[in-house]
Amino acid sequence: MARNNVSSDAICTGQPNAGQLYIVATPIGNLQDISPRAINVLKTVDLIAAEDTRHSGHLLRQLDINTHCIALHEHNERQFAEKVIQKIKDGQTIALISDAGTPLVSDPGYFLVKLAHEENIIVSPIPGPSALIAALSAAGLATDRFCFEGFVPSKRGARQRFYKHRQKEPRTMVFYETPHRIIDSLQDLSSQLGEQRKVVLARELSKTFETIKSDTANALYEWVVADKNQQKGEIVLVVEGFKAPECDTISEETERVLRVLLAELSLKQAVKLTVDLSGEKKKIIYNFALSIKDKLDE
């Protein structure tokens, strides 16, 4: 039986529903990025489950939010998830927040949300800031298809294998990296994916020293090495997907079609029809047609 995520009353008033879990996005830097809806939910839920209550406490005080907080992080999530779910089943409303950005995106919360679905509890996302989406939107690389790979491994061997296994990934890739590893990471990225691979470094997004730099992997590595300021803060790497070199040949079937058409039509007409029928690149088919025609004219 289908169930609605929120009632019409909740949509109109913005008040949380009893017995519901809210996944609330919080600012990644600029306090003004939090939505009025997120503030309202955090003020009116019965309990906030925070990745770090001390860190989130500072944010909540700035927003004049006095809701009681409990810690739910990667080290205790499995242990406390069932207790949180029981509170929701008893009718409480609970909001999950991470230190910054959208919960569960390389942050705790997976086991809690999974368990909530298993218990048929409504899980309602309150959209907002995400370093992943912010970096991708400003990178100037293809966004129609992309993959998020989380944090790059910390040890050199694992990191090199990590990048190597993604050499032929055609989608734009997004990684999180820490400031103290950024130089080594860019060096390994350059060696495994190629010095000329296009990379965008997005640092301190929405903060005072926000930096978005686009260049080749090797040039970006040299730039970061030369400027210690670029070795600080929260870092997102957006990497261009693999582009296969253009093939200068055509399939046997396409060649057969082209030869038949060339025997009856002009070169221009034969090429156009072959492209329409095969879907292969016009430039390659045209050059191939020229070579066939030259041989026929000899």
C-alpha atoms as a PDB file:
ATOM      1  CA  MET A   1       0.000   0.000   0.000  1.00  0.00           C
ATOM      2  CA  ALA A   2       1.439   3.383  -1.027  1.00  0.00           C
ATOM      3  CA  ARG A   3       2.043   5.991   1.662  1.00  0.00           C
ATOM      4  CA  ASN A   4       2.516   9.735   1.418  1.00  0.00           C
ATOM      5  CA  ASN A   5       5.729  11.224   2.710  1.00  0.00           C
ATOM      6  CA  VAL A   6       4.051  14.205   4.353  1.00  0.00           C
ATOM      7  CA  SER A   7       0.479  15.170   4.981  1.00  0.00           C
ATOM      8  CA  SER A   8      -1.191  18.158   3.339  1.00  0.00           C
ATOM      9  CA  ASP A   9      -1.316  19.842   6.766  1.00  0.00           C
ATOM     10  CA  ALA A  10       2.439  19.466   7.155  1.00  0.00           C
ATOM     11  CA  ILE A  11       3.041  20.929   3.705  1.00  0.00           C
ATOM     12  CA  CYS A  12       0.914  23.971   4.528  1.00  0.00           C
ATOM     13  CA  THR A  13       2.162  24.605   8.077  1.00  0.00           C
ATOM     14  CA  GLY A  14       5.717  23.266   7.834  1.00  0.00           C
ATOM     15  CA  GLN A  15       5.194  21.371  11.105  1.00  0.00           C
ATOM     16  CA  PRO A  16       6.843  17.940  11.443  1.00  0.00           C
ATOM     17  CA  ASN A  17       4.654  14.859  11.498  1.00  0.00           C
ATOM     18  CA  ALA A  18       4.683  12.673  14.597  1.00  0.00           C
ATOM     19  CA  GLY A  19       6.677   9.471  14.314  1.00  0.00           C
ATOM     20  CA  GLN A  20       8.859  10.636  11.439  1.00  0.00           C
ATOM     21  CA  LEU A  21      12.572  10.895  10.624  1.00  0.00           C
ATOM     22  CA  TYR A  22      13.885  14.031   8.922  1.00  0.00           C
ATOM     23  CA  ILE A  23      17.211  14.167   7.075  1.00  0.00           C
ATOM     24  CA  VAL A  24      18.215  17.822   7.329  1.00  0.00           C
ATOM     25  CA  ALA A  25      20.942  19.481   5.274  1.00  0.00           C
ATOM     26  CA  THR A  26      22.949  22.161   7.079  1.00  0.00           C
ATOM     27  CA  PRO A  27      25.419  24.781   5.759  1.00  0.00           C
ATOM     28  CA  ILE A  28      28.841  23.730   4.504  1.00  0.00           C
ATOM     29  CA  GLY A  29      30.164  27.206   5.297  1.00  0.00           C
ATOM     30  CA  ASN A  30      27.847  30.149   4.820  1.00  0.00           C
ATOM     31  CA  LEU A  31      25.174  30.233   7.533  1.00  0.00           C
ATOM     32  CA  GLN A  32      22.708  31.910   5.174  1.00  0.00           C
ATOM     33  CA  ASP A  33      22.542  28.761   3.039  1.00  0.00           C
ATOM     34  CA  ILE A  34      20.250  26.989   5.501  1.00  0.00           C
ATOM     35  CA  SER A  35      16.614  27.018   4.414  1.00  0.00           C
ATOM     36  CA  PRO A  36      13.722  28.399   6.483  1.00  0.00           C
ATOM     37  CA  ARG A  37      12.160  24.927   6.314  1.00  0.00           C
ATOM     38  CA  ALA A  38      15.279  23.325   7.777  1.00  0.00           C
ATOM     39  CA  ILE A  39      15.334  25.851  10.632  1.00  0.00           C
ATOM     40  CA  ASN A  40      11.656  25.237  11.364  1.00  0.00           C
ATOM     41  CA  VAL A  41      12.088  21.464  11.442  1.00  0.00           C
ATOM     42  CA  LEU A  42      15.132  21.674  13.723  1.00  0.00           C
ATOM     43  CA  LYS A  43      13.234  23.960  16.097  1.00  0.00           C
ATOM     44  CA  THR A  44      10.101  21.835  16.288  1.00  0.00           C
ATOM     45  CA  VAL A  45      11.273  18.207  16.269  1.00  0.00           C
ATOM     46  CA  ASP A  46      11.519  16.409  19.596  1.00  0.00           C
ATOM     47  CA  LEU A  47      15.151  15.447  19.140  1.00  0.00           C
ATOM     48  CA  ILE A  48      18.152  16.107  16.889  1.00  0.00           C
ATOM     49  CA  ALA A  49      20.607  13.303  16.176  1.00  0.00           C
ATOM     50  CA  ALA A  50      23.906  15.027  15.353  1.00  0.00           C
ATOM     51  CA  GLU A  51      27.201  13.625  14.099  1.00  0.00           C
ATOM     52  CA  ASP A  52      29.041  15.804  16.633  1.00  0.00           C
ATOM     53  CA  THR A  53      26.906  17.551  19.256  1.00  0.00           C
ATOM     54  CA  ARG A  54      29.678  20.028  20.088  1.00  0.00           C
ATOM     55  CA  HIS A  55      30.152  21.039  16.471  1.00  0.00           C
ATOM     56  CA  SER A  56      26.423  21.224  15.733  1.00  0.00           C
ATOM     57  CA  GLY A  57      25.775  22.986  19.030  1.00  0.00           C
ATOM     58  CA  HIS A  58      27.586  26.048  17.722  1.00  0.00           C
ATOM     59  CA  LEU A  59      25.385  26.133  14.600  1.00  0.00           C
ATOM     60  CA  LEU A  60      22.180  25.587  16.553  1.00  0.00           C
ATOM     61  CA  ARG A  61      23.008  28.392  18.992  1.00  0.00           C
ATOM     62  CA  GLN A  62      23.583  30.777  16.097  1.00  0.00           C
ATOM     63  CA  LEU A  63      20.146  29.860  14.743  1.00  0.00           C
ATOM     64  CA  ASP A  64      18.514  30.146  18.190  1.00  0.00           C
ATOM     65  CA  ILE A  65      17.555  26.453  18.130  1.00  0.00           C
ATOM     66  CA  ASN A  66      17.263  24.884  21.570  1.00  0.00           C
ATOM     67  CA  THR A  67      16.149  21.356  20.636  1.00  0.00           C
ATOM     68  CA  HIS A  68      17.883  18.624  22.619  1.00  0.00           C
ATOM     69  CA  CYS A  69      20.689  16.820  20.750  1.00  0.00           C
ATOM     70  CA  ILE A  70      22.130  13.328  20.959  1.00  0.00           C
ATOM     71  CA  ALA A  71      25.288  12.042  19.267  1.00  0.00           C
ATOM     72  CA  LEU A  72      24.894   9.626  16.370  1.00  0.00           C
ATOM     73  CA  HIS A  73      28.170   9.048  14.568  1.00  0.00           C
ATOM     74  CA  GLU A  74      30.024   6.302  12.731  1.00  0.00           C
ATOM     75  CA  HIS A  75      31.293   4.734  15.959  1.00  0.00           C
ATOM     76  CA  ASN A  76      27.927   4.380  17.717  1.00  0.00           C
ATOM     77  CA  GLU A  77      25.362   4.362  14.902  1.00  0.00           C
ATOM     78  CA  ARG A  78      24.805   0.600  14.844  1.00  0.00           C
ATOM     79  CA  GLN A  79      24.437   0.589  18.620  1.00  0.00           C
ATOM     80  CA  PHE A  80      22.000   3.506  18.937  1.00  0.00           C
ATOM     81  CA  ALA A  81      20.019   3.294  15.676  1.00  0.00           C
ATOM     82  CA  GLU A  82      17.466   0.900  17.167  1.00  0.00           C
ATOM     83  CA  LYS A  83      16.958   3.174  20.182  1.00  0.00           C
ATOM     84  CA  VAL A  84      16.349   6.147  17.878  1.00  0.00           C
ATOM     85  CA  ILE A  85      13.899   4.133  15.800  1.00  0.00           C
ATOM     86  CA  GLN A  86      12.020   3.113  18.943  1.00  0.00           C
ATOM     87  CA  LYS A  87      11.641   6.758  19.918  1.00  0.00           C
ATOM     88  CA  ILE A  88      10.137   7.468  16.499  1.00  0.00           C
ATOM     89  CA  LYS A  89       7.792   4.493  16.806  1.00  0.00           C
ATOM     90  CA  ASP A  90       6.700   5.934  20.153  1.00  0.00           C
ATOM     91  CA  GLY A  91       5.596   9.071  18.315  1.00  0.00           C
ATOM     92  CA  GLN A  92       8.622  11.344  18.518  1.00  0.00           C
ATOM     93  CA  THR A  93       9.936  13.353  15.582  1.00  0.00           C
ATOM     94  CA  ILE A  94      13.680  13.209  15.064  1.00  0.00           C
ATOM     95  CA  ALA A  95      15.990  15.154  12.743  1.00  0.00           C
ATOM     96  CA  LEU A  96      19.336  13.763  11.584  1.00  0.00           C
ATOM     97  CA  ILE A  97      22.115  16.251  10.817  1.00  0.00           C
ATOM     98  CA  SER A  98      25.817  15.871  10.020  1.00  0.00           C
ATOM     99  CA  ASP A  99      28.660  18.269  10.803  1.00  0.00           C
ATOM    100  CA  ALA A 100      28.002  20.069   7.513  1.00  0.00           C
ATOM    101  CA  GLY A 101      26.063  19.527   4.308  1.00  0.00           C
ATOM    102  CA  THR A 102      23.653  16.713   3.506  1.00  0.00           C
ATOM    103  CA  PRO A 103      23.691  13.715   5.885  1.00  0.00           C
ATOM    104  CA  LEU A 104      24.747  10.298   4.521  1.00  0.00           C
ATOM    105  CA  VAL A 105      26.890  11.843   1.745  1.00  0.00           C
ATOM    106  CA  SER A 106      30.184  10.466   3.112  1.00  0.00           C
ATOM    107  CA  ASP A 107      28.638  10.978   6.561  1.00  0.00           C
ATOM    108  CA  PRO A 108      26.887   8.700   9.077  1.00  0.00           C
ATOM    109  CA  GLY A 109      23.199   7.813   8.876  1.00  0.00           C
ATOM    110  CA  TYR A 110      22.955   4.862   6.500  1.00  0.00           C
ATOM    111  CA  PHE A 111      22.055   2.261   9.131  1.00  0.00           C
ATOM    112  CA  LEU A 112      19.523   4.560  10.780  1.00  0.00           C
ATOM    113  CA  VAL A 113      17.740   5.367   7.517  1.00  0.00           C
ATOM    114  CA  LYS A 114      17.871   1.735   6.370  1.00  0.00           C
ATOM    115  CA  LEU A 115      16.323   0.600   9.632  1.00  0.00           C
ATOM    116  CA  ALA A 116      13.667   3.317   9.406  1.00  0.00           C
ATOM    117  CA  HIS A 117      12.557   1.981   6.014  1.00  0.00           C
ATOM    118  CA  GLU A 118      12.540  -1.570   7.325  1.00  0.00           C
ATOM    119  CA  GLU A 119      10.224  -0.413  10.129  1.00  0.00           C
ATOM    120  CA  ASN A 120       7.999   1.425   7.621  1.00  0.00           C
ATOM    121  CA  ILE A 121       8.833   4.797   9.169  1.00  0.00           C
ATOM    122  CA  ILE A 122       8.481   7.851   6.947  1.00  0.00           C
ATOM    123  CA  VAL A 123      11.862   9.343   6.045  1.00  0.00           C
ATOM    124  CA  SER A 124      11.636  12.920   4.788  1.00  0.00           C
ATOM    125  CA  PRO A 125      14.658  14.770   3.318  1.00  0.00           C
ATOM    126  CA  ILE A 126      14.985  18.505   3.901  1.00  0.00           C
ATOM    127  CA  PRO A 127      17.197  19.469   0.913  1.00  0.00           C
ATOM    128  CA  GLY A 128      20.004  21.945   1.164  1.00  0.00           C
ATOM    129  CA  PRO A 129      23.772  22.417   0.899  1.00  0.00           C
ATOM    130  CA  SER A 130      26.028  19.653  -0.429  1.00  0.00           C
ATOM    131  CA  ALA A 131      29.725  20.088  -1.225  1.00  0.00           C
ATOM    132  CA  LEU A 132      29.383  17.379  -3.873  1.00  0.00           C
ATOM    133  CA  ILE A 133      26.665  19.162  -5.852  1.00  0.00           C
ATOM    134  CA  ALA A 134      28.115  22.633  -5.269  1.00  0.00           C
ATOM    135  CA  ALA A 135      31.502  21.590  -6.689  1.00  0.00           C
ATOM    136  CA  LEU A 136      29.966  19.729  -9.616  1.00  0.00           C
ATOM    137  CA  SER A 137      27.733  22.646 -10.565  1.00  0.00           C
ATOM    138  CA  ALA A 138      30.684  25.048 -10.756  1.00  0.00           C
ATOM    139  CA  ALA A 139      33.302  22.726 -12.282  1.00  0.00           C
ATOM    140  CA  GLY A 140      32.536  23.250 -15.960  1.00  0.00           C
ATOM    141  CA  LEU A 141      32.726  19.513 -16.641  1.00  0.00           C
ATOM    142  CA  ALA A 142      29.991  17.233 -17.959  1.00  0.00           C
ATOM    143  CA  THR A 143      27.139  16.840 -15.468  1.00  0.00           C
ATOM    144  CA  ASP A 144      24.731  14.647 -17.448  1.00  0.00           C
ATOM    145  CA  ARG A 145      26.451  11.567 -16.005  1.00  0.00           C
ATOM    146  CA  PHE A 146      28.724  11.553 -12.956  1.00  0.00           C
ATOM    147  CA  CYS A 147      29.776   9.311 -10.087  1.00  0.00           C
ATOM    148  CA  PHE A 148      30.622  10.199  -6.510  1.00  0.00           C
ATOM    149  CA  GLU A 149      33.468   8.147  -5.032  1.00  0.00           C
ATOM    150  CA  GLY A 150      33.669   9.641  -1.534  1.00  0.00           C
ATOM    151  CA  PHE A 151      37.017  10.093   0.206  1.00  0.00           C
ATOM    152  CA  VAL A 152      40.162   8.958  -1.598  1.00  0.00           C
ATOM    153  CA  PRO A 153      42.105   6.268   0.364  1.00  0.00           C
ATOM    154  CA  SER A 154      44.708   7.645   2.756  1.00  0.00           C
ATOM    155  CA  LYS A 155      47.560   5.180   2.098  1.00  0.00           C
ATOM    156  CA  ARG A 156      49.628   5.595  -1.040  1.00  0.00           C
ATOM    157  CA  GLY A 157      49.322   2.063  -2.418  1.00  0.00           C
ATOM    158  CA  ALA A 158      45.562   1.934  -1.939  1.00  0.00           C
ATOM    159  CA  ARG A 159      45.210   5.450  -3.357  1.00  0.00           C
ATOM    160  CA  GLN A 160      47.153   4.593  -6.496  1.00  0.00           C
ATOM    161  CA  ARG A 161      45.049   1.467  -7.048  1.00  0.00           C
ATOM    162  CA  PHE A 162      41.925   3.545  -6.402  1.00  0.00           C
ATOM    163  CA  TYR A 163      42.803   5.970  -9.194  1.00  0.00           C
ATOM    164  CA  LYS A 164      44.115   3.247 -11.500  1.00  0.00           C
ATOM    165  CA  HIS A 165      40.815   1.345 -11.353  1.00  0.00           C
ATOM    166  CA  ARG A 166      39.082   4.505 -12.566  1.00  0.00           C
ATOM    167  CA  GLN A 167      41.319   5.197 -15.567  1.00  0.00           C
ATOM    168  CA  LYS A 168      38.608   4.251 -18.075  1.00  0.00           C
ATOM    169  CA  GLU A 169      35.599   5.618 -16.152  1.00  0.00           C
ATOM    170  CA  PRO A 170      33.697   7.690 -18.771  1.00  0.00           C
ATOM    171  CA  ARG A 171      31.604   9.675 -16.286  1.00  0.00           C
ATOM    172  CA  THR A 172      32.735  12.825 -14.486  1.00  0.00           C
ATOM    173  CA  MET A 173      34.114  11.720 -11.113  1.00  0.00           C
ATOM    174  CA  VAL A 174      33.862  13.538  -7.786  1.00  0.00           C
ATOM    175  CA  PHE A 175      36.160  12.840  -4.838  1.00  0.00           C
ATOM    176  CA  TYR A 176      36.566  14.286  -1.354  1.00  0.00           C
ATOM    177  CA  GLU A 177      40.114  14.880  -0.128  1.00  0.00           C
ATOM    178  CA  THR A 178      41.736  16.158   3.042  1.00  0.00           C
ATOM    179  CA  PRO A 179      44.172  19.120   3.072  1.00  0.00           C
ATOM    180  CA  HIS A 180      47.122  17.183   4.478  1.00  0.00           C
ATOM    181  CA  ARG A 181      46.868  14.594   1.660  1.00  0.00           C
ATOM    182  CA  ILE A 182      45.961  16.825  -1.275  1.00  0.00           C
ATOM    183  CA  ILE A 183      49.501  17.058  -2.721  1.00  0.00           C
ATOM    184  CA  ASP A 184      50.124  13.306  -2.642  1.00  0.00           C
ATOM    185  CA  SER A 185      46.632  12.672  -3.957  1.00  0.00           C
ATOM    186  CA  LEU A 186      47.019  15.014  -6.933  1.00  0.00           C
ATOM    187  CA  GLN A 187      50.405  13.470  -7.695  1.00  0.00           C
ATOM    188  CA  ASP A 188      48.913   9.966  -7.757  1.00  0.00           C
ATOM    189  CA  LEU A 189      45.885  11.143  -9.724  1.00  0.00           C
ATOM    190  CA  SER A 190      48.190  12.665 -12.340  1.00  0.00           C
ATOM    191  CA  SER A 191      50.320   9.517 -12.618  1.00  0.00           C
ATOM    192  CA  GLN A 192      47.372   7.110 -12.821  1.00  0.00           C
ATOM    193  CA  LEU A 193      44.819   9.090 -14.849  1.00  0.00           C
ATOM    194  CA  GLY A 194      47.267  11.086 -16.963  1.00  0.00           C
ATOM    195  CA  GLU A 195      48.972  14.445 -16.560  1.00  0.00           C
ATOM    196  CA  GLN A 196      46.628  16.073 -19.070  1.00  0.00           C
ATOM    197  CA  ARG A 197      43.398  14.858 -17.464  1.00  0.00           C
ATOM    198  CA  LYS A 198      41.164  17.851 -16.679  1.00  0.00           C
ATOM    199  CA  VAL A 199      40.658  18.331 -12.933  1.00  0.00           C
ATOM    200  CA  VAL A 200      38.833  20.965 -10.901  1.00  0.00           C
ATOM    201  CA  LEU A 201      39.820  21.666  -7.300  1.00  0.00           C
ATOM    202  CA  ALA A 202      36.983  23.199  -5.257  1.00  0.00           C
ATOM    203  CA  ARG A 203      38.133  24.342  -1.822  1.00  0.00           C
ATOM    204  CA  GLU A 204      36.338  25.954   1.112  1.00  0.00           C
ATOM    205  CA  LEU A 205      33.062  26.171  -0.811  1.00  0.00           C
ATOM    206  CA  SER A 206      30.739  28.967   0.366  1.00  0.00           C
ATOM    207  CA  LYS A 207      33.386  30.193   2.826  1.00  0.00           C
ATOM    208  CA  THR A 208      35.532  33.332   2.843  1.00  0.00           C
ATOM    209  CA  PHE A 209      38.466  31.782   0.970  1.00  0.00           C
ATOM    210  CA  GLU A 210      36.434  29.774  -1.538  1.00  0.00           C
ATOM    211  CA  THR A 211      38.622  28.663  -4.452  1.00  0.00           C
ATOM    212  CA  ILE A 212      37.622  26.876  -7.655  1.00  0.00           C
ATOM    213  CA  LYS A 213      40.540  26.115  -9.949  1.00  0.00           C
ATOM    214  CA  SER A 214      40.371  24.209 -13.234  1.00  0.00           C
ATOM    215  CA  ASP A 215      43.465  22.860 -14.991  1.00  0.00           C
ATOM    216  CA  THR A 216      45.232  19.703 -16.089  1.00  0.00           C
ATOM    217  CA  ALA A 217      46.091  17.228 -13.326  1.00  0.00           C
ATOM    218  CA  ASN A 218      49.815  17.977 -13.458  1.00  0.00           C
ATOM    219  CA  ALA A 219      49.402  21.761 -13.627  1.00  0.00           C
ATOM    220  CA  LEU A 220      46.979  21.663 -10.714  1.00  0.00           C
ATOM    221  CA  TYR A 221      49.437  19.582  -8.709  1.00  0.00           C
ATOM    222  CA  GLU A 222      52.228  22.119  -9.326  1.00  0.00           C
ATOM    223  CA  TRP A 223      49.905  25.008  -8.428  1.00  0.00           C
ATOM    224  CA  VAL A 224      48.936  23.456  -5.089  1.00  0.00           C
ATOM    225  CA  VAL A 225      52.567  22.631  -4.257  1.00  0.00           C
ATOM    226  CA  ALA A 226      53.550  26.255  -4.902  1.00  0.00           C
ATOM    227  CA  ASP A 227      50.767  27.777  -2.781  1.00  0.00           C
ATOM    228  CA  LYS A 228      50.381  26.518   0.795  1.00  0.00           C
ATOM    229  CA  ASN A 229      47.037  28.309   1.085  1.00  0.00           C
ATOM    230  CA  GLN A 230      45.611  25.748  -1.336  1.00  0.00           C
ATOM    231  CA  GLN A 231      46.588  22.984   1.073  1.00  0.00           C
ATOM    232  CA  LYS A 232      44.012  24.058   3.654  1.00  0.00           C
ATOM    233  CA  GLY A 233      40.308  23.540   4.258  1.00  0.00           C
ATOM    234  CA  GLU A 234      37.666  21.202   2.858  1.00  0.00           C
ATOM    235  CA  ILE A 235      38.514  20.004  -0.660  1.00  0.00           C
ATOM    236  CA  VAL A 236      36.483  18.479  -3.477  1.00  0.00           C
ATOM    237  CA  LEU A 237      38.110  17.160  -6.661  1.00  0.00           C
ATOM    238  CA  VAL A 238      36.019  16.968  -9.826  1.00  0.00           C
ATOM    239  CA  VAL A 239      37.705  14.909 -12.548  1.00  0.00           C
ATOM    240  CA  GLU A 240      36.888  14.683 -16.229  1.00  0.00           C
ATOM    241  CA  GLY A 241      35.788  11.247 -17.388  1.00  0.00           C
ATOM    242  CA  PHE A 242      37.832   9.110 -19.755  1.00  0.00           C
ATOM    243  CA  LYS A 243      37.490   9.949 -23.438  1.00  0.00           C
ATOM    244  CA  ALA A 244      38.284   7.114 -25.799  1.00  0.00           C
ATOM    245  CA  PRO A 245      40.420   8.138 -28.791  1.00  0.00           C
ATOM    246  CA  GLU A 246      38.462   8.445 -31.998  1.00  0.00           C
ATOM    247  CA  CYS A 247      38.610   5.324 -34.101  1.00  0.00           C
ATOM    248  CA  ASP A 248      39.704   5.900 -37.716  1.00  0.00           C
ATOM    249  CA  THR A 249      38.056   2.764 -39.036  1.00  0.00           C
ATOM    250  CA  ILE A 250      34.466   1.700 -39.670  1.00  0.00           C
ATOM    251  CA  SER A 251      32.722  -1.621 -39.104  1.00  0.00           C
ATOM    252  CA  GLU A 252      32.574  -4.243 -41.821  1.00  0.00           C
ATOM    253  CA  GLU A 253      28.810  -3.794 -42.187  1.00  0.00           C
ATOM    254  CA  THR A 254      29.149  -0.015 -42.523  1.00  0.00           C
ATOM    255  CA  GLU A 255      31.847  -0.470 -45.159  1.00  0.00           C
ATOM    256  CA  ARG A 256      29.592  -2.870 -47.095  1.00  0.00           C
ATOM    257  CA  VAL A 257      26.707  -0.383 -47.030  1.00  0.00           C
ATOM    258  CA  LEU A 258      28.989   2.456 -48.078  1.00  0.00           C
ATOM    259  CA  ARG A 259      30.383   0.537 -51.049  1.00  0.00           C
ATOM    260  CA  VAL A 260      26.884  -0.374 -52.280  1.00  0.00           C
ATOM    261  CA  LEU A 261      25.737   3.239 -52.022  1.00  0.00           C
ATOM    262  CA  LEU A 262      28.865   4.629 -53.690  1.00  0.00           C
ATOM    263  CA  ALA A 263      28.178   2.407 -56.692  1.00  0.00           C
ATOM    264  CA  GLU A 264      24.801   4.103 -57.215  1.00  0.00           C
ATOM    265  CA  LEU A 265      25.030   7.587 -55.666  1.00  0.00           C
ATOM    266  CA  SER A 266      27.321  10.571 -55.433  1.00  0.00           C
ATOM    267  CA  LEU A 267      29.928  10.573 -52.683  1.00  0.00           C
ATOM    268  CA  LYS A 268      27.984  13.183 -50.676  1.00  0.00           C
ATOM    269  CA  GLN A 269      24.701  11.250 -50.871  1.00  0.00           C
ATOM    270  CA  ALA A 270      26.370   7.923 -50.094  1.00  0.00           C
ATOM    271  CA  VAL A 271      28.124   9.351 -47.033  1.00  0.00           C
ATOM    272  CA  LYS A 272      24.948  10.976 -45.708  1.00  0.00           C
ATOM    273  CA  LEU A 273      22.888   7.814 -46.041  1.00  0.00           C
ATOM    274  CA  THR A 274      25.642   5.680 -44.501  1.00  0.00           C
ATOM    275  CA  VAL A 275      25.887   8.013 -41.505  1.00  0.00           C
ATOM    276  CA  ASP A 276      22.103   7.928 -41.078  1.00  0.00           C
ATOM    277  CA  LEU A 277      22.002   4.137 -41.280  1.00  0.00           C
ATOM    278  CA  SER A 278      25.071   3.336 -39.152  1.00  0.00           C
ATOM    279  CA  GLY A 279      25.223   6.172 -36.640  1.00  0.00           C
ATOM    280  CA  GLU A 280      29.007   6.268 -37.039  1.00  0.00           C
ATOM    281  CA  LYS A 281      30.946   9.525 -37.266  1.00  0.00           C
ATOM    282  CA  LYS A 282      30.532  11.447 -40.511  1.00  0.00           C
ATOM    283  CA  LYS A 283      34.178  12.530 -40.698  1.00  0.00           C
ATOM    284  CA  ILE A 284      35.467   8.962 -40.498  1.00  0.00           C
ATOM    285  CA  ILE A 285      32.941   7.657 -43.049  1.00  0.00           C
ATOM    286  CA  TYR A 286      33.685  10.569 -45.398  1.00  0.00           C
ATOM    287  CA  ASN A 287      37.448   9.930 -45.265  1.00  0.00           C
ATOM    288  CA  PHE A 288      36.874   6.217 -45.822  1.00  0.00           C
ATOM    289  CA  ALA A 289      34.597   6.983 -48.774  1.00  0.00           C
ATOM    290  CA  LEU A 290      37.291   9.191 -50.290  1.00  0.00           C
ATOM    291  CA  SER A 291      39.836   6.388 -50.050  1.00  0.00           C
ATOM    292  CA  ILE A 292      37.410   3.961 -51.743  1.00  0.00           C
ATOM    293  CA  LYS A 293      36.616   6.457 -54.481  1.00  0.00           C
ATOM    294  CA  ASP A 294      40.314   7.156 -55.100  1.00  0.00           C
ATOM    295  CA  LYS A 295      40.976   3.445 -55.552  1.00  0.00           C
ATOM    296  CA  LEU A 296      38.021   3.119 -57.956  1.00  0.00           C
ATOM    297  CA  ASP A 297      39.278   6.047 -60.009  1.00  0.00           C
ATOM    298  CA  GLU A 298      42.792   4.625 -60.361  1.00  0.00           C
END
